[in-house]
Amino acid sequence: MKRSLLVVLLVLLLWGTAQAGINVFYVPESGFLRVSGEMVIEPEAASLSFLIFPTAHLTEFWADHLMEYRVERHPHGTTVILAVRQLGPQTISFSYEGLIEPKQQEAVLGRDQLWLPEFTIPAQDWDVAVQLPLGWEVAEGEVRETSTEGSFSLVLLQPSSSYPNLKLVNYSFKPAEEPEDPEEALVEESEEWLAPVETADLAELGEEPASLEEAEQGEPEEQPRDPFAARVQIQINRFTRALGLRSQAELAELLSPALQEEGLAHYLASLPPYYGRVIAEIVAMPEDPYQDYTVVFSTERGDRYLASMAWREEAGSLQLHQFRLTPYEPTVPKEVADSCELFLQELQAALQMEDQGKISSLLAPDLQQDAEEILHLLFSLDSSEPWTIEHVTLEPFSITVLTPPLDGAKFLLKLDLTPGQYHWLLLGVQVVPLS
C-alpha cells in the first residue's frame, strides 16, 4: 500500500536491488517531463545516491528510514545523496519534474537524457508506463502494449533490468507554413487560444452606475477611462494568451527583469498541457491604475487561480512588475483564520522552547506520517523568526506556511489539520520547494 508522501524536496537514488514501477508524463513539444514511481529497495550501505536530469525539480518523496540528505547540482545532472537509518527492505516513493530540450518531430529518451534515475548499480525489472500526446509513437524501444486515453497515448514498456532507451517520432508533425499576412495569422491564433478577458461588474467595483437615459440607449460596456488602465488590460490579454500557449519567450517579454531572473516565465510556461486552455477574468481594478489588478485565471480542466498583478512602464514598454498567484477558493471565515494563527503560534512557541511534549499534544492520533520523522523535520527548521500563513485551504483543510530559509533553501510548509477537542491537530506535513 502506498505510504502518505512527505514532500522533502528530493528523490532517492539507492544502493542495492530495486524493483521499479514508474509512470512518466512527457510532452516533447514543450520539453515538459514528469516522473513518479514507487520502489522496494534493499540497501547494502547506509549512504545512498542517484542521478537525474539537471533541471529536474524534486517534488515528492517518502522513505521508510530516511535520516538526512543533500542535493548537488552539476551541468550534467542532479545528484541526490542521502542516508538511511537502517538496512533491509523498505519502500520509497518519489516524483520529480522539469523541462528538457523541446522536440517537434523526433525525441530520444535514454541514459544521456537521465529521464529515469541513474542508479549506482542496475535496477531490476523496470516497469515503465509513458504517457505521450497523440501523434507521438515509440519508433525504437521495447514496447509491451499501447493504448489511448483521451488526447494521450499510454505506452507500457517491456520489463527490463537495463536502462530504457526510446526513440520517439511525431507522425502528425507538419512544418509550419509562412502566412501570407502575419498580422492576420496572429489575429486568428489569438481567437483560437485566448478567450476574451472578462471584467467584473463595475458597480461592484465602486463605479457609479450609468444614467437611465444611457441605459435606455443601450450604451456599450464602459471601457477604462485611463489610457494606462486600458493598456494594462491589453497586457493581461497578452499574458493570458502566452500562458495558454505555454510560451516561455512570450511570457518573458511581458515580465520585468527582476521577475525574469526569478524564473517566473519558466515556471508559468511549465503549466501541464492537460490543464487545457486558459482564460482570465479581471475581478478588481484599482482606483490607481499603477496598483494591483486582481485576476482569476481558469483552466479548461477546472482549476482556478487568483493572481495579483502590478504593471510598470519600463524601457518604453508595459511590464509586469509584481505577481502573486494562489489557488482561488471561497473566503475563509475570520474565526477559522484566527484559530489557524493561534495554532501556528502555539506550534512555533513549542519549537522555540524545545518542548517535545507540547508538540506531541498537537499531533493527531491518526497521524498520516511517522511522528519521529515529523518531529525531526520541525525541530530542524528556524523558529527564531515569525512564521506566516500564506494560504488556507478549506477542502481538504490545510494551511500553507512560510518559514525562514534553511541553509539557503526557500520552501513552504503545508500543514494538514484536523479538529481536536480544544484546538487544531496536525495530521500531516509536506514541504514545497520554492527554489
Protein backbone atom coordinates (compact mmCIF):
# COMPACT_ATOMS: atom_id res chain seq x y z
CA MET A 1 0.00 0.00 0.00
CA LYS A 2 1.36 3.41 -0.92
CA ARG A 3 2.52 5.40 2.09
CA SER A 4 1.49 9.00 2.67
CA LEU A 5 4.04 11.19 0.93
CA LEU A 6 6.26 13.58 2.86
CA VAL A 7 7.50 16.13 0.35
CA VAL A 8 11.11 16.65 1.37
CA LEU A 9 12.46 18.34 -1.78
CA LEU A 10 14.18 15.22 -3.13
CA VAL A 11 14.05 11.79 -4.62
CA LEU A 12 16.21 8.81 -3.75
CA LEU A 13 18.96 7.03 -5.60
CA LEU A 14 19.55 3.76 -3.96
CA TRP A 15 22.35 1.33 -3.48
CA GLY A 16 21.16 -2.25 -3.80
CA THR A 17 18.48 -4.16 -5.61
CA ALA A 18 15.23 -2.44 -6.50
CA GLN A 19 12.01 -3.21 -8.27
CA ALA A 20 10.71 -0.14 -10.07
CA GLY A 21 7.19 0.86 -11.01
CA ILE A 22 7.49 4.22 -12.77
CA ASN A 23 4.96 6.49 -14.51
CA VAL A 24 6.21 9.11 -16.98
CA PHE A 25 4.31 12.06 -18.46
CA TYR A 26 6.21 13.62 -21.38
CA VAL A 27 5.25 16.39 -23.83
CA PRO A 28 8.12 16.61 -26.35
CA GLU A 29 6.93 19.88 -27.94
CA SER A 30 7.38 21.80 -24.67
CA GLY A 31 10.03 19.52 -23.16
CA PHE A 32 7.92 19.02 -20.01
CA LEU A 33 8.80 15.76 -18.26
CA ARG A 34 7.27 14.41 -15.04
CA VAL A 35 8.41 11.13 -13.46
CA SER A 36 6.88 9.42 -10.43
CA GLY A 37 7.35 5.94 -9.04
CA GLU A 38 7.42 3.54 -6.13
CA MET A 39 10.15 1.01 -5.39
CA VAL A 40 11.08 -1.65 -2.86
CA ILE A 41 14.80 -1.49 -2.16
CA GLU A 42 17.31 -3.48 -0.15
CA PRO A 43 20.21 -1.06 0.51
CA GLU A 44 23.58 -2.62 1.28
CA ALA A 45 25.02 0.59 2.72
CA ALA A 46 23.61 3.43 4.82
CA SER A 47 24.78 6.11 2.36
CA LEU A 48 22.95 6.15 -0.98
CA SER A 49 22.79 8.33 -4.11
CA PHE A 50 21.47 8.63 -7.67
CA LEU A 51 21.40 10.94 -10.70
CA ILE A 52 18.54 12.60 -12.66
CA PHE A 53 18.44 15.26 -15.37
CA PRO A 54 19.98 18.68 -14.50
CA THR A 55 16.80 20.81 -14.50
CA ALA A 56 14.64 18.39 -12.52
CA HIS A 57 12.65 19.78 -9.57
CA LEU A 58 12.14 17.12 -6.90
CA THR A 59 8.59 17.34 -5.60
CA GLU A 60 7.64 14.21 -3.64
CA PHE A 61 9.45 11.64 -1.53
CA TRP A 62 8.78 9.02 1.09
CA ALA A 63 11.27 6.51 2.50
CA ASP A 64 10.82 4.22 5.47
CA HIS A 65 14.10 5.03 7.22
CA LEU A 66 15.38 8.36 5.88
CA MET A 67 17.79 10.23 8.19
CA GLU A 68 19.29 13.09 6.15
CA TYR A 69 20.08 14.11 2.58
CA ARG A 70 21.73 16.67 0.36
CA VAL A 71 21.27 17.64 -3.30
CA GLU A 72 24.18 18.51 -5.59
CA ARG A 73 23.53 20.14 -8.97
CA HIS A 74 26.01 19.81 -11.82
CA PRO A 75 25.84 20.70 -15.54
CA HIS A 76 25.47 17.00 -16.44
CA GLY A 77 22.83 16.11 -13.83
CA THR A 78 21.34 16.43 -10.36
CA THR A 79 22.72 14.08 -7.70
CA VAL A 80 20.74 13.19 -4.60
CA ILE A 81 22.78 11.81 -1.70
CA LEU A 82 21.05 10.52 1.43
CA ALA A 83 21.42 8.30 4.45
CA VAL A 84 19.00 5.73 5.84
CA ARG A 85 18.68 4.77 9.49
CA GLN A 86 18.77 1.03 8.95
CA LEU A 87 19.34 -1.51 6.20
CA GLY A 88 16.89 -4.08 4.92
CA PRO A 89 13.90 -3.99 2.53
CA GLN A 90 11.99 -0.71 2.51
CA THR A 91 9.60 1.17 0.23
CA ILE A 92 10.33 4.51 -1.38
CA SER A 93 8.03 6.78 -3.41
CA PHE A 94 9.21 9.73 -5.47
CA SER A 95 8.25 12.33 -8.06
CA TYR A 96 10.21 14.95 -9.99
CA GLU A 97 9.55 17.16 -12.98
CA GLY A 98 11.14 19.80 -15.19
CA LEU A 99 11.88 20.88 -18.72
CA ILE A 100 14.33 19.23 -21.10
CA GLU A 101 15.08 20.32 -24.68
CA PRO A 102 11.83 20.69 -26.69
CA LYS A 103 11.42 18.45 -29.74
CA GLN A 104 8.89 18.85 -32.53
CA GLN A 105 9.39 15.81 -34.75
CA GLU A 106 11.79 13.35 -33.10
CA ALA A 107 12.87 12.87 -29.48
CA VAL A 108 15.16 10.48 -27.64
CA LEU A 109 14.80 9.33 -24.03
CA GLY A 110 17.86 7.43 -22.88
CA ARG A 111 20.71 7.36 -20.41
CA ASP A 112 22.17 10.59 -21.84
CA GLN A 113 18.89 12.41 -21.07
CA LEU A 114 18.74 10.96 -17.50
CA TRP A 115 14.96 10.80 -17.75
CA LEU A 116 14.88 7.96 -15.20
CA PRO A 117 17.06 7.71 -12.06
CA GLU A 118 20.63 6.57 -12.85
CA PHE A 119 21.39 4.01 -10.14
CA THR A 120 24.86 3.17 -8.92
CA ILE A 121 24.09 -0.42 -9.85
CA PRO A 122 21.43 -1.53 -12.36
CA ALA A 123 17.90 -1.70 -11.03
CA GLN A 124 15.93 -4.89 -11.50
CA ASP A 125 12.81 -5.14 -13.60
CA TRP A 126 11.98 -1.58 -14.68
CA ASP A 127 8.17 -1.41 -15.12
CA VAL A 128 7.70 1.87 -17.00
CA ALA A 129 4.49 3.47 -18.37
CA VAL A 130 4.95 6.51 -20.62
CA GLN A 131 2.11 8.93 -21.42
CA LEU A 132 2.57 10.83 -24.71
CA PRO A 133 0.41 13.24 -26.76
CA LEU A 134 -1.49 11.57 -29.61
CA GLY A 135 0.62 11.52 -32.75
CA TRP A 136 3.81 10.58 -30.91
CA GLU A 137 4.85 6.92 -31.11
CA VAL A 138 7.78 4.82 -29.99
CA ALA A 139 9.84 4.12 -33.12
CA GLU A 140 12.64 2.30 -31.28
CA GLY A 141 12.36 0.61 -27.90
CA GLU A 142 10.85 -2.46 -26.25
CA VAL A 143 7.07 -1.84 -26.12
CA ARG A 144 4.70 -4.30 -24.48
CA GLU A 145 1.36 -2.54 -25.03
CA THR A 146 -0.06 0.76 -26.31
CA SER A 147 -3.50 2.22 -25.56
CA THR A 148 -5.33 5.55 -25.94
CA GLU A 149 -6.57 7.67 -23.05
CA GLY A 150 -8.32 10.85 -24.21
CA SER A 151 -5.85 13.04 -26.08
CA PHE A 152 -2.86 10.96 -24.95
CA SER A 153 -1.47 7.51 -25.65
CA LEU A 154 -0.18 5.24 -22.88
CA VAL A 155 2.86 3.13 -23.73
CA LEU A 156 3.83 0.23 -21.44
CA LEU A 157 7.45 -0.87 -21.85
CA GLN A 158 8.69 -4.41 -21.56
CA PRO A 159 10.08 -5.02 -18.04
CA SER A 160 13.87 -4.98 -18.20
CA SER A 161 16.85 -4.68 -15.88
CA SER A 162 18.68 -2.43 -18.37
CA TYR A 163 18.18 1.34 -18.59
CA PRO A 164 15.28 2.00 -21.04
CA ASN A 165 16.19 3.79 -24.28
CA LEU A 166 13.43 5.14 -26.53
CA LYS A 167 13.28 6.93 -29.86
CA LEU A 168 10.01 8.82 -30.34
CA VAL A 169 8.58 10.12 -33.62
CA ASN A 170 5.73 12.58 -34.14
CA TYR A 171 3.97 11.19 -37.21
CA SER A 172 1.43 14.03 -37.15
CA PHE A 173 4.12 16.72 -37.42
CA LYS A 174 3.70 19.19 -40.26
CA PRO A 175 6.20 22.02 -40.79
CA ALA A 176 4.59 25.40 -40.22
CA GLU A 177 3.81 27.35 -43.38
CA GLU A 178 4.73 31.02 -43.54
CA PRO A 179 1.47 33.02 -43.55
CA GLU A 180 0.91 35.50 -46.35
CA ASP A 181 -0.35 38.11 -43.88
CA PRO A 182 1.44 37.81 -40.49
CA GLU A 183 -0.99 40.20 -38.77
CA GLU A 184 -3.99 38.20 -39.95
CA ALA A 185 -2.39 34.97 -38.77
CA LEU A 186 -1.76 36.49 -35.35
CA VAL A 187 -5.40 37.50 -35.03
CA GLU A 188 -6.58 34.00 -35.99
CA GLU A 189 -4.18 32.41 -33.49
CA SER A 190 -5.37 34.73 -30.73
CA GLU A 191 -9.00 33.84 -31.43
CA GLU A 192 -8.17 30.14 -31.21
CA TRP A 193 -6.15 30.18 -27.99
CA LEU A 194 -7.38 33.13 -25.97
CA ALA A 195 -10.86 33.72 -24.67
CA PRO A 196 -11.54 37.42 -24.11
CA VAL A 197 -10.71 38.83 -20.71
CA GLU A 198 -13.91 39.47 -18.79
CA THR A 199 -14.32 42.42 -16.43
CA ALA A 200 -16.28 42.26 -13.19
CA ASP A 201 -19.44 44.34 -12.82
CA LEU A 202 -18.36 47.98 -12.47
CA ALA A 203 -20.99 48.63 -9.80
CA GLU A 204 -19.31 46.00 -7.62
CA LEU A 205 -16.01 47.81 -8.08
CA GLY A 206 -17.36 51.12 -6.76
CA GLU A 207 -18.15 52.79 -10.12
CA GLU A 208 -21.25 54.96 -10.43
CA PRO A 209 -24.00 53.26 -12.47
CA ALA A 210 -24.89 54.62 -15.86
CA SER A 211 -27.81 57.05 -16.09
CA LEU A 212 -31.26 55.75 -17.02
CA GLU A 213 -31.10 57.61 -20.31
CA GLU A 214 -27.78 55.99 -21.20
CA ALA A 215 -29.12 52.58 -20.23
CA GLU A 216 -32.17 53.01 -22.45
CA GLN A 217 -29.92 53.95 -25.36
CA GLY A 218 -28.07 50.66 -24.96
CA GLU A 219 -24.63 52.14 -24.45
CA PRO A 220 -21.82 49.58 -24.89
CA GLU A 221 -19.92 48.45 -21.78
CA GLU A 222 -17.76 51.28 -20.46
CA GLN A 223 -14.05 50.95 -21.19
CA PRO A 224 -11.33 52.14 -18.82
CA ARG A 225 -11.14 55.94 -18.96
CA ASP A 226 -7.46 55.99 -18.00
CA PRO A 227 -5.22 55.18 -21.02
CA PHE A 228 -2.78 53.36 -18.73
CA ALA A 229 -5.57 51.11 -17.39
CA ALA A 230 -6.63 50.30 -20.95
CA ARG A 231 -3.04 49.32 -21.78
CA VAL A 232 -2.93 47.11 -18.69
CA GLN A 233 -6.00 45.20 -19.88
CA ILE A 234 -4.29 44.65 -23.25
CA GLN A 235 -1.20 43.34 -21.48
CA ILE A 236 -3.31 40.98 -19.37
CA ASN A 237 -4.81 39.69 -22.63
CA ARG A 238 -1.30 39.11 -24.00
CA PHE A 239 -0.21 37.47 -20.75
CA THR A 240 -3.20 35.08 -20.82
CA ARG A 241 -2.52 34.19 -24.45
CA ALA A 242 1.15 33.44 -23.73
CA LEU A 243 0.16 31.37 -20.70
CA GLY A 244 -2.33 29.39 -22.79
CA LEU A 245 0.40 28.73 -25.38
CA ARG A 246 2.90 27.80 -22.62
CA SER A 247 5.27 30.17 -24.44
CA GLN A 248 8.23 30.99 -22.21
CA ALA A 249 9.58 33.52 -24.73
CA GLU A 250 6.31 35.48 -24.96
CA LEU A 251 5.85 35.43 -21.18
CA ALA A 252 9.40 36.70 -20.64
CA GLU A 253 8.71 39.70 -22.92
CA LEU A 254 5.96 40.83 -20.53
CA LEU A 255 7.98 40.48 -17.31
CA SER A 256 10.29 42.91 -15.57
CA PRO A 257 13.99 41.92 -15.47
CA ALA A 258 13.62 41.03 -11.77
CA LEU A 259 10.76 38.57 -12.44
CA GLN A 260 12.67 37.10 -15.37
CA GLU A 261 15.67 36.47 -13.11
CA GLU A 262 13.41 34.71 -10.61
CA GLY A 263 12.42 32.26 -13.36
CA LEU A 264 8.73 33.21 -13.45
CA ALA A 265 8.45 32.75 -17.23
CA HIS A 266 9.90 29.24 -16.99
CA TYR A 267 7.58 28.38 -14.10
CA LEU A 268 4.43 29.60 -15.86
CA ALA A 269 5.33 28.00 -19.21
CA SER A 270 5.62 24.61 -17.49
CA LEU A 271 1.85 24.52 -16.86
CA PRO A 272 0.99 20.94 -17.92
CA PRO A 273 -0.78 20.78 -21.30
CA TYR A 274 -3.57 18.62 -19.89
CA TYR A 275 -4.85 21.70 -18.00
CA GLY A 276 -6.08 22.86 -21.41
CA ARG A 277 -6.93 26.42 -22.43
CA VAL A 278 -6.58 29.35 -20.04
CA ILE A 279 -9.00 32.27 -19.66
CA ALA A 280 -8.80 35.31 -17.40
CA GLU A 281 -11.33 37.47 -15.58
CA ILE A 282 -10.41 40.81 -14.01
CA VAL A 283 -12.34 40.81 -10.73
CA ALA A 284 -10.94 44.01 -9.17
CA MET A 285 -9.49 47.11 -10.80
CA PRO A 286 -7.66 49.59 -8.54
CA GLU A 287 -8.56 53.26 -8.36
CA ASP A 288 -4.90 53.97 -9.09
CA PRO A 289 -4.09 52.04 -12.30
CA TYR A 290 -0.49 51.63 -11.14
CA GLN A 291 -1.61 49.47 -8.20
CA ASP A 292 -2.56 45.78 -8.12
CA TYR A 293 -5.13 44.27 -10.50
CA THR A 294 -6.90 41.15 -9.22
CA VAL A 295 -7.36 38.49 -11.90
CA VAL A 296 -8.83 34.98 -11.78
CA PHE A 297 -7.23 32.53 -14.20
CA SER A 298 -9.32 29.46 -15.08
CA THR A 299 -8.14 26.35 -16.88
CA GLU A 300 -10.12 24.02 -19.08
CA ARG A 301 -9.60 21.26 -16.50
CA GLY A 302 -11.49 23.36 -13.95
CA ASP A 303 -8.64 24.60 -11.75
CA ARG A 304 -8.84 28.31 -10.83
CA TYR A 305 -6.10 30.62 -9.54
CA LEU A 306 -6.21 34.12 -8.07
CA ALA A 307 -3.48 36.48 -9.26
CA SER A 308 -2.40 39.92 -8.09
CA MET A 309 -0.66 41.83 -10.89
CA ALA A 310 1.03 45.26 -10.86
CA TRP A 311 2.36 46.79 -14.08
CA ARG A 312 5.03 49.45 -14.66
CA GLU A 313 6.37 51.38 -17.61
CA GLU A 314 9.90 50.12 -18.25
CA ALA A 315 12.15 50.94 -21.22
CA GLY A 316 9.22 52.09 -23.35
CA SER A 317 7.01 49.05 -22.67
CA LEU A 318 4.50 47.98 -20.05
CA GLN A 319 5.96 45.17 -17.93
CA LEU A 320 4.64 43.02 -15.12
CA HIS A 321 6.38 44.37 -12.02
CA GLN A 322 4.76 42.30 -9.23
CA PHE A 323 2.98 38.94 -9.44
CA ARG A 324 1.41 36.70 -6.84
CA LEU A 325 -0.57 33.54 -7.60
CA THR A 326 -2.63 31.42 -5.18
CA PRO A 327 -5.40 28.82 -5.60
CA TYR A 328 -8.78 30.53 -5.92
CA GLU A 329 -11.12 29.41 -3.17
CA PRO A 330 -14.00 30.82 -1.11
CA THR A 331 -13.12 33.37 1.58
CA VAL A 332 -12.03 31.77 4.84
CA PRO A 333 -14.17 32.89 7.82
CA LYS A 334 -12.29 35.18 10.21
CA GLU A 335 -12.85 32.82 13.14
CA VAL A 336 -11.22 29.98 11.22
CA ALA A 337 -8.29 32.14 10.12
CA ASP A 338 -7.75 33.34 13.71
CA SER A 339 -7.80 29.77 15.04
CA CYS A 340 -5.15 28.78 12.46
CA GLU A 341 -2.96 31.70 13.54
CA LEU A 342 -3.30 30.58 17.18
CA PHE A 343 -2.34 27.00 16.28
CA LEU A 344 0.74 28.20 14.40
CA GLN A 345 1.80 30.43 17.31
CA GLU A 346 1.49 27.51 19.75
CA LEU A 347 3.48 25.25 17.46
CA GLN A 348 6.27 27.77 16.95
CA ALA A 349 6.43 28.61 20.66
CA ALA A 350 6.80 24.90 21.49
CA LEU A 351 9.62 24.60 18.95
CA GLN A 352 11.41 27.61 20.42
CA MET A 353 11.17 26.07 23.92
CA GLU A 354 12.11 22.64 22.53
CA ASP A 355 9.01 21.34 24.30
CA GLN A 356 8.60 17.95 22.65
CA GLY A 357 5.68 17.07 24.93
CA LYS A 358 3.70 20.14 23.84
CA ILE A 359 4.36 19.43 20.18
CA SER A 360 3.28 15.81 20.65
CA SER A 361 -0.02 17.10 22.07
CA LEU A 362 -0.56 18.99 18.79
CA LEU A 363 -0.27 15.80 16.71
CA ALA A 364 -3.45 13.97 15.66
CA PRO A 365 -3.95 10.40 16.97
CA ASP A 366 -4.43 9.24 13.35
CA LEU A 367 -1.27 10.98 12.14
CA GLN A 368 -0.66 10.19 8.46
CA GLN A 369 3.14 10.04 8.82
CA ASP A 370 5.74 8.77 11.27
CA ALA A 371 5.73 11.02 14.36
CA GLU A 372 9.52 10.85 14.77
CA GLU A 373 10.02 11.96 11.17
CA ILE A 374 7.70 14.94 11.65
CA LEU A 375 9.39 15.97 14.92
CA HIS A 376 12.81 15.69 13.29
CA LEU A 377 11.65 17.89 10.42
CA LEU A 378 10.01 20.53 12.63
CA PHE A 379 12.99 20.82 15.01
CA SER A 380 15.33 21.25 12.02
CA LEU A 381 13.51 24.47 10.99
CA ASP A 382 14.35 28.01 12.09
CA SER A 383 11.75 29.00 14.69
CA SER A 384 13.55 32.14 15.89
CA GLU A 385 11.70 34.35 13.38
CA PRO A 386 7.91 34.53 12.95
CA TRP A 387 6.25 32.08 10.59
CA THR A 388 3.39 33.39 8.45
CA ILE A 389 0.32 31.75 6.98
CA GLU A 390 0.31 32.31 3.22
CA HIS A 391 -2.85 30.38 2.35
CA VAL A 392 -5.70 28.44 3.94
CA THR A 393 -7.34 25.58 2.03
CA LEU A 394 -10.81 24.57 3.18
CA GLU A 395 -11.14 21.18 1.46
CA PRO A 396 -9.14 19.25 2.50
CA PHE A 397 -8.32 21.60 5.37
CA SER A 398 -4.70 22.77 5.48
CA ILE A 399 -2.57 25.87 5.94
CA THR A 400 0.45 26.83 3.86
CA VAL A 401 3.17 28.42 5.99
CA LEU A 402 6.22 30.45 5.00
CA THR A 403 9.26 29.80 7.20
CA PRO A 404 12.72 31.43 7.16
CA PRO A 405 15.17 29.93 4.61
CA LEU A 406 17.17 26.94 5.85
CA ASP A 407 20.77 26.66 4.58
CA GLY A 408 19.82 28.98 1.70
CA ALA A 409 16.84 26.84 0.62
CA LYS A 410 13.41 28.50 0.44
CA PHE A 411 10.27 26.44 0.92
CA LEU A 412 6.72 26.40 2.24
CA LEU A 413 5.22 24.05 4.81
CA LYS A 414 1.80 22.59 4.00
CA LEU A 415 0.24 21.54 7.31
CA ASP A 416 -2.81 19.26 7.08
CA LEU A 417 -5.07 19.94 10.10
CA THR A 418 -7.99 18.16 11.75
CA PRO A 419 -10.26 19.40 14.57
CA GLY A 420 -9.27 18.42 18.13
CA GLN A 421 -11.15 18.82 21.40
CA TYR A 422 -9.61 22.19 22.20
CA HIS A 423 -7.59 23.22 19.13
CA TRP A 424 -6.46 22.09 15.70
CA LEU A 425 -4.30 18.95 15.47
CA LEU A 426 -1.56 18.28 12.94
CA LEU A 427 -2.49 15.45 10.59
CA GLY A 428 0.41 15.60 8.12
CA VAL A 429 3.25 17.75 6.79
CA GLN A 430 4.51 18.43 3.28
CA VAL A 431 7.43 20.58 2.17
CA VAL A 432 7.02 22.59 -1.05
CA PRO A 433 10.30 23.90 -2.54
CA LEU A 434 10.39 27.48 -3.80
CA SER A 435 13.86 27.44 -5.31
